[in-house]
Amino acid sequence: MIHYSVWFNLRDGVTEAEGLGVIRTFLAELFGAGSIAGFRLLKNTGNPPKSRMLAFQALIEFRDGAQFGAAFSAQAARGIHTGLHGRVMSLVGEFSIEVFKEVCEA
């Protein structure tokens, strides 16, 4: 399993309901199409200075490298500024991305 983690803040003026609603719709479409294995949207419960992480996290799961690569190739072909992905990008301000490969599970 590959975990694609995006920590992010919404842009000023974007409500939590609006921003997370669009992001959830985008990720649900990817899940429904079989482009991702699953996802979670998380809210950071710590505030600065207790937490240095951004306000939200999208944790996106891929079965393997093939699914991961196919999803990114498909988005690149569509264009990163088009469709729901483009809408997500217009709502998100600061963000940080990390990719983790699962080495053990419960």
Protein backbone atom coordinates (compact mmCIF):
# COMPACT_ATOMS: atom_id res chain seq x y z
CA MET A 1 0.00 0.00 0.00
CA ILE A 2 1.21 3.50 -0.83
CA HIS A 3 0.00 6.42 1.30
CA TYR A 4 -0.01 9.85 -0.37
CA SER A 5 -0.33 12.42 2.40
CA VAL A 6 -1.26 16.01 1.68
CA TRP A 7 -1.27 18.42 4.63
CA PHE A 8 -2.98 21.66 3.71
CA ASN A 9 -4.69 24.89 4.70
CA LEU A 10 -7.64 26.34 2.86
CA ARG A 11 -7.27 29.77 1.26
CA ASP A 12 -8.60 32.78 3.14
CA GLY A 13 -12.33 33.14 2.54
CA VAL A 14 -12.89 29.44 1.80
CA THR A 15 -15.14 27.84 4.39
CA GLU A 16 -14.30 24.44 5.80
CA ALA A 17 -17.59 23.03 4.49
CA GLU A 18 -16.97 24.31 0.96
CA GLY A 19 -13.31 23.33 0.75
CA LEU A 20 -13.61 19.88 2.29
CA GLY A 21 -16.80 19.24 0.31
CA VAL A 22 -15.04 19.81 -3.01
CA ILE A 23 -12.01 17.78 -1.93
CA ARG A 24 -14.22 14.92 -0.76
CA THR A 25 -16.13 14.95 -4.06
CA PHE A 26 -12.87 14.85 -6.03
CA LEU A 27 -11.47 11.96 -3.99
CA ALA A 28 -14.79 10.07 -4.07
CA GLU A 29 -14.76 10.30 -7.88
CA LEU A 30 -11.24 8.87 -7.97
CA PHE A 31 -12.27 6.08 -5.61
CA GLY A 32 -15.40 5.29 -7.62
CA ALA A 33 -13.35 5.09 -10.82
CA GLY A 34 -10.85 2.72 -9.18
CA SER A 35 -8.02 5.26 -9.44
CA ILE A 36 -7.33 5.12 -5.69
CA ALA A 37 -7.82 2.39 -3.09
CA GLY A 38 -9.26 4.70 -0.43
CA PHE A 39 -8.98 8.04 1.29
CA ARG A 40 -9.50 9.89 4.54
CA LEU A 41 -9.82 13.59 5.28
CA LEU A 42 -8.47 14.55 8.69
CA LYS A 43 -8.49 17.74 10.75
CA ASN A 44 -5.54 18.63 12.96
CA THR A 45 -6.66 19.01 16.57
CA GLY A 46 -3.46 20.77 17.62
CA ASN A 47 -2.88 24.48 17.27
CA PRO A 48 0.42 26.33 17.00
CA PRO A 49 2.76 26.17 18.77
CA LYS A 50 1.73 22.66 19.89
CA SER A 51 1.52 21.49 16.28
CA ARG A 52 3.62 22.55 13.32
CA MET A 53 1.40 20.65 10.88
CA LEU A 54 -1.19 22.36 8.69
CA ALA A 55 -4.91 22.35 9.51
CA PHE A 56 -6.02 19.40 7.36
CA GLN A 57 -4.68 16.17 5.92
CA ALA A 58 -5.86 14.18 2.93
CA LEU A 59 -4.57 10.62 3.27
CA ILE A 60 -4.93 8.92 -0.12
CA GLU A 61 -4.24 5.21 -0.47
CA PHE A 62 -3.02 3.33 -3.53
CA ARG A 63 -2.85 -0.47 -3.79
CA ASP A 64 0.57 -0.42 -5.45
CA GLY A 65 2.95 1.50 -7.66
CA ALA A 66 0.96 0.69 -10.79
CA GLN A 67 -2.24 2.28 -9.44
CA PHE A 68 -0.24 5.23 -8.11
CA GLY A 69 1.48 5.84 -11.44
CA ALA A 70 -1.71 5.41 -13.47
CA ALA A 71 -3.62 7.93 -11.34
CA PHE A 72 -0.93 10.59 -11.74
CA SER A 73 -0.52 9.93 -15.46
CA ALA A 74 -4.28 10.26 -15.98
CA GLN A 75 -4.42 13.54 -14.04
CA ALA A 76 -1.45 14.92 -15.97
CA ALA A 77 -3.16 14.02 -19.25
CA ARG A 78 -6.35 15.84 -18.14
CA GLY A 79 -4.34 18.79 -16.85
CA ILE A 80 -3.75 19.63 -13.21
CA HIS A 81 -5.70 22.89 -13.46
CA THR A 82 -8.83 21.36 -15.02
CA GLY A 83 -11.95 19.74 -13.61
CA LEU A 84 -12.31 19.00 -9.91
CA HIS A 85 -8.54 18.86 -9.39
CA GLY A 86 -8.31 22.42 -10.66
CA ARG A 87 -11.13 23.42 -8.32
CA VAL A 88 -9.31 21.77 -5.39
CA MET A 89 -6.16 23.69 -6.28
CA SER A 90 -8.10 26.96 -6.30
CA LEU A 91 -9.36 26.33 -2.75
CA VAL A 92 -6.12 25.13 -1.15
CA GLY A 93 -3.46 27.57 -0.01
CA GLU A 94 -0.35 26.24 1.67
CA PHE A 95 0.27 22.50 1.32
CA SER A 96 2.92 19.86 1.85
CA ILE A 97 3.05 16.39 0.27
CA GLU A 98 4.81 13.22 1.39
CA VAL A 99 4.57 9.70 0.01
CA PHE A 100 4.93 6.69 2.31
CA LYS A 101 5.22 3.03 1.39
CA GLU A 102 3.64 0.66 3.89
CA VAL A 103 6.14 -1.68 5.52
CA CYS A 104 3.94 -3.26 8.20
CA GLU A 105 0.26 -3.36 9.15
CA ALA A 106 -1.69 -4.55 12.16
